[in-house]
């Protein structure tokens, strides 16, 4: 007998929701429909992103770190700034930096004015690596969103920001 994983992206949509409403009359069907669509799309995006980055020898965290360092230029960024930019803790930044430094993609530089601190900057090899994958990823992202008009993109971004702003209600669950 095949075992099926239950993933959040497998929440029912359409007619499958009627059965839930029969069991739980307080179910807001339109809200669940949107939620299911959002989760399904998010899951597909994450799978595609992770598969693509894996083929290129990167992870989401590593890609974001390299991109932040590329935007920072030759002077680099302080690990605290990297943690803030990436929304992760300092220990995670240290681990990521250790990995890309071992591969010769980044280097630690002295921090002017504080001998106890460092800056992190890309090496030329790191610049070449991120420059080899970022433009293609940005093009594919634009292609994905090309089915939406400029107004639809703005509206979708605003709606997603609105949902994100209400996340405190969901975290109560």
Protein backbone atom coordinates (compact mmCIF):
# COMPACT_ATOMS: atom_id res chain seq x y z
CA UNK A 1 0.00 0.00 0.00
CA UNK A 2 1.42 3.38 -1.01
CA UNK A 3 1.86 5.86 1.78
CA UNK A 4 1.04 9.47 0.99
CA UNK A 5 2.62 12.30 2.85
CA UNK A 6 0.24 14.94 4.00
CA UNK A 7 1.77 18.27 3.13
CA UNK A 8 0.20 21.64 3.66
CA UNK A 9 0.13 22.07 -0.10
CA UNK A 10 -2.21 19.04 -0.21
CA UNK A 11 -5.05 20.88 1.48
CA UNK A 12 -8.25 20.41 -0.52
CA UNK A 13 -9.54 22.98 -2.94
CA UNK A 14 -12.82 23.37 -4.75
CA UNK A 15 -15.31 20.56 -4.10
CA UNK A 16 -13.04 18.99 -1.49
CA UNK A 17 -13.78 21.91 0.78
CA UNK A 18 -17.51 21.16 0.92
CA UNK A 19 -16.79 18.08 3.03
CA UNK A 20 -14.85 20.20 5.51
CA UNK A 21 -17.68 22.70 5.73
CA UNK A 22 -20.10 19.86 6.49
CA UNK A 23 -17.84 18.67 9.32
CA UNK A 24 -16.94 22.12 10.58
CA UNK A 25 -19.75 24.59 9.79
CA UNK A 26 -17.70 27.60 10.94
CA UNK A 27 -15.23 26.99 8.07
CA UNK A 28 -14.70 30.07 5.92
CA UNK A 29 -14.55 28.34 2.53
CA UNK A 30 -13.29 31.36 0.52
CA UNK A 31 -10.52 31.95 3.10
CA UNK A 32 -9.49 28.29 2.98
CA UNK A 33 -9.54 28.33 -0.84
CA UNK A 34 -7.16 31.31 -0.92
CA UNK A 35 -5.00 29.81 1.82
CA UNK A 36 -4.76 26.50 -0.06
CA UNK A 37 -3.86 28.27 -3.30
CA UNK A 38 -1.21 30.33 -1.53
CA UNK A 39 0.33 27.28 0.14
CA UNK A 40 0.30 25.27 -3.08
CA UNK A 41 1.98 28.05 -5.02
CA UNK A 42 4.50 28.64 -2.23
CA UNK A 43 5.37 24.94 -2.05
CA UNK A 44 5.87 24.75 -5.83
CA UNK A 45 8.03 27.88 -5.79
CA UNK A 46 10.20 26.56 -2.97
CA UNK A 47 10.65 23.21 -4.69
CA UNK A 48 11.66 24.90 -7.95
CA UNK A 49 13.99 27.37 -6.21
CA UNK A 50 15.69 24.69 -4.14
CA UNK A 51 16.11 22.32 -7.09
CA UNK A 52 17.58 25.05 -9.29
CA UNK A 53 19.97 26.29 -6.61
CA UNK A 54 21.01 22.74 -5.77
CA UNK A 55 21.96 22.16 -9.42
CA UNK A 56 24.10 25.29 -9.23
CA UNK A 57 25.81 24.25 -6.00
CA UNK A 58 24.02 26.67 -3.70
CA UNK A 59 21.22 26.85 -1.16
CA UNK A 60 18.73 29.65 -0.57
CA UNK A 61 20.69 30.90 2.43
CA UNK A 62 23.98 30.74 0.60
CA UNK A 63 22.57 32.47 -2.49
CA UNK A 64 21.09 35.27 -0.38
CA UNK A 65 24.38 35.67 1.50
CA UNK A 66 26.41 35.86 -1.70
CA UNK A 67 23.95 38.33 -3.23
CA UNK A 68 24.11 40.56 -0.13
CA UNK A 69 27.88 40.52 -0.25
CA UNK A 70 27.85 41.26 -3.99
CA UNK A 71 25.62 44.29 -3.44
CA UNK A 72 27.91 45.48 -0.63
CA UNK A 73 30.94 45.69 -2.92
CA UNK A 74 34.61 45.33 -2.07
CA UNK A 75 34.31 46.66 1.49
CA UNK A 76 31.94 43.87 2.42
CA UNK A 77 29.54 43.72 5.35
CA UNK A 78 29.82 43.16 9.07
CA UNK A 79 28.35 39.81 10.19
CA UNK A 80 25.73 41.70 12.22
CA UNK A 81 24.59 43.45 9.03
CA UNK A 82 24.49 40.13 7.20
CA UNK A 83 22.35 38.62 9.95
CA UNK A 84 19.94 41.57 9.76
CA UNK A 85 19.81 41.53 5.94
CA UNK A 86 19.14 37.79 5.84
CA UNK A 87 16.85 37.61 8.88
CA UNK A 88 18.97 34.93 10.56
CA UNK A 89 21.05 34.76 13.73
CA UNK A 90 24.77 35.52 13.94
CA UNK A 91 25.68 31.85 14.50
CA UNK A 92 24.02 30.94 11.20
CA UNK A 93 25.88 33.73 9.45
CA UNK A 94 29.16 32.47 10.91
CA UNK A 95 28.42 28.97 9.65
CA UNK A 96 27.51 30.22 6.16
CA UNK A 97 30.58 32.46 5.99
CA UNK A 98 32.81 29.58 7.14
CA UNK A 99 31.48 27.48 4.24
CA UNK A 100 31.92 30.04 1.50
CA UNK A 101 35.31 31.06 2.87
CA UNK A 102 36.49 27.41 2.74
CA UNK A 103 35.51 27.38 -0.94
CA UNK A 104 37.38 30.60 -1.64
CA UNK A 105 34.20 32.58 -2.38
CA UNK A 106 34.60 35.07 0.48
CA UNK A 107 37.22 36.38 2.85
CA UNK A 108 37.23 37.93 6.29
CA UNK A 109 38.73 41.40 6.45
CA UNK A 110 39.80 43.46 9.46
CA UNK A 111 37.19 45.93 10.68
CA UNK A 112 38.60 49.44 10.74
CA UNK A 113 38.46 50.84 14.25
CA UNK A 114 37.84 47.55 16.09
CA UNK A 115 40.48 44.83 16.00
CA UNK A 116 38.05 42.34 17.58
CA UNK A 117 35.59 42.56 14.71
CA UNK A 118 35.66 41.62 11.03
CA UNK A 119 34.02 42.37 7.74
CA UNK A 120 33.10 39.76 5.12
CA UNK A 121 33.64 40.40 1.41
CA UNK A 122 33.49 38.34 -1.74
CA UNK A 123 36.66 37.23 -3.42
CA UNK A 124 36.93 37.57 -7.21
CA UNK A 125 35.99 33.87 -7.37
CA UNK A 126 32.88 34.60 -5.26
CA UNK A 127 31.94 37.49 -7.53
CA UNK A 128 32.27 35.28 -10.60
CA UNK A 129 30.18 32.55 -8.96
CA UNK A 130 27.27 34.82 -7.97
CA UNK A 131 27.49 36.68 -11.29
CA UNK A 132 27.17 33.34 -13.08
CA UNK A 133 23.89 32.41 -11.39
CA UNK A 134 22.10 35.62 -10.31
CA UNK A 135 21.21 37.05 -13.75
CA UNK A 136 19.59 33.79 -14.87
CA UNK A 137 17.61 33.50 -11.64
CA UNK A 138 16.40 37.09 -11.96
CA UNK A 139 15.38 36.46 -15.59
CA UNK A 140 13.45 33.31 -14.62
CA UNK A 141 11.71 35.21 -11.84
CA UNK A 142 10.66 37.88 -14.34
CA UNK A 143 9.42 35.16 -16.70
CA UNK A 144 7.37 33.59 -13.91
CA UNK A 145 5.74 36.91 -13.10
CA UNK A 146 5.26 37.89 -16.75
CA UNK A 147 1.73 36.47 -16.69
CA UNK A 148 0.76 39.39 -14.43
CA UNK A 149 0.36 43.01 -15.47
CA UNK A 150 2.26 45.71 -13.59
CA UNK A 151 -0.95 46.58 -11.73
CA UNK A 152 -1.58 42.92 -10.83
CA UNK A 153 1.98 42.56 -9.52
CA UNK A 154 1.53 45.63 -7.33
CA UNK A 155 -1.85 44.40 -6.10
CA UNK A 156 -0.55 40.91 -5.34
CA UNK A 157 2.45 42.31 -3.45
CA UNK A 158 0.14 44.57 -1.43
CA UNK A 159 -2.23 41.69 -0.65
CA UNK A 160 0.62 39.41 0.42
CA UNK A 161 2.04 42.18 2.61
CA UNK A 162 -1.40 42.60 4.16
CA UNK A 163 -1.60 38.87 4.94
CA UNK A 164 1.94 38.94 6.34
CA UNK A 165 0.97 41.88 8.54
CA UNK A 166 -1.83 39.78 10.01
CA UNK A 167 0.41 36.78 10.69
CA UNK A 168 0.11 37.30 14.44
CA UNK A 169 -3.45 35.93 14.17
CA UNK A 170 -2.18 32.73 12.54
CA UNK A 171 0.63 32.26 15.04
CA UNK A 172 -1.98 31.91 17.79
CA UNK A 173 -3.00 28.53 16.36
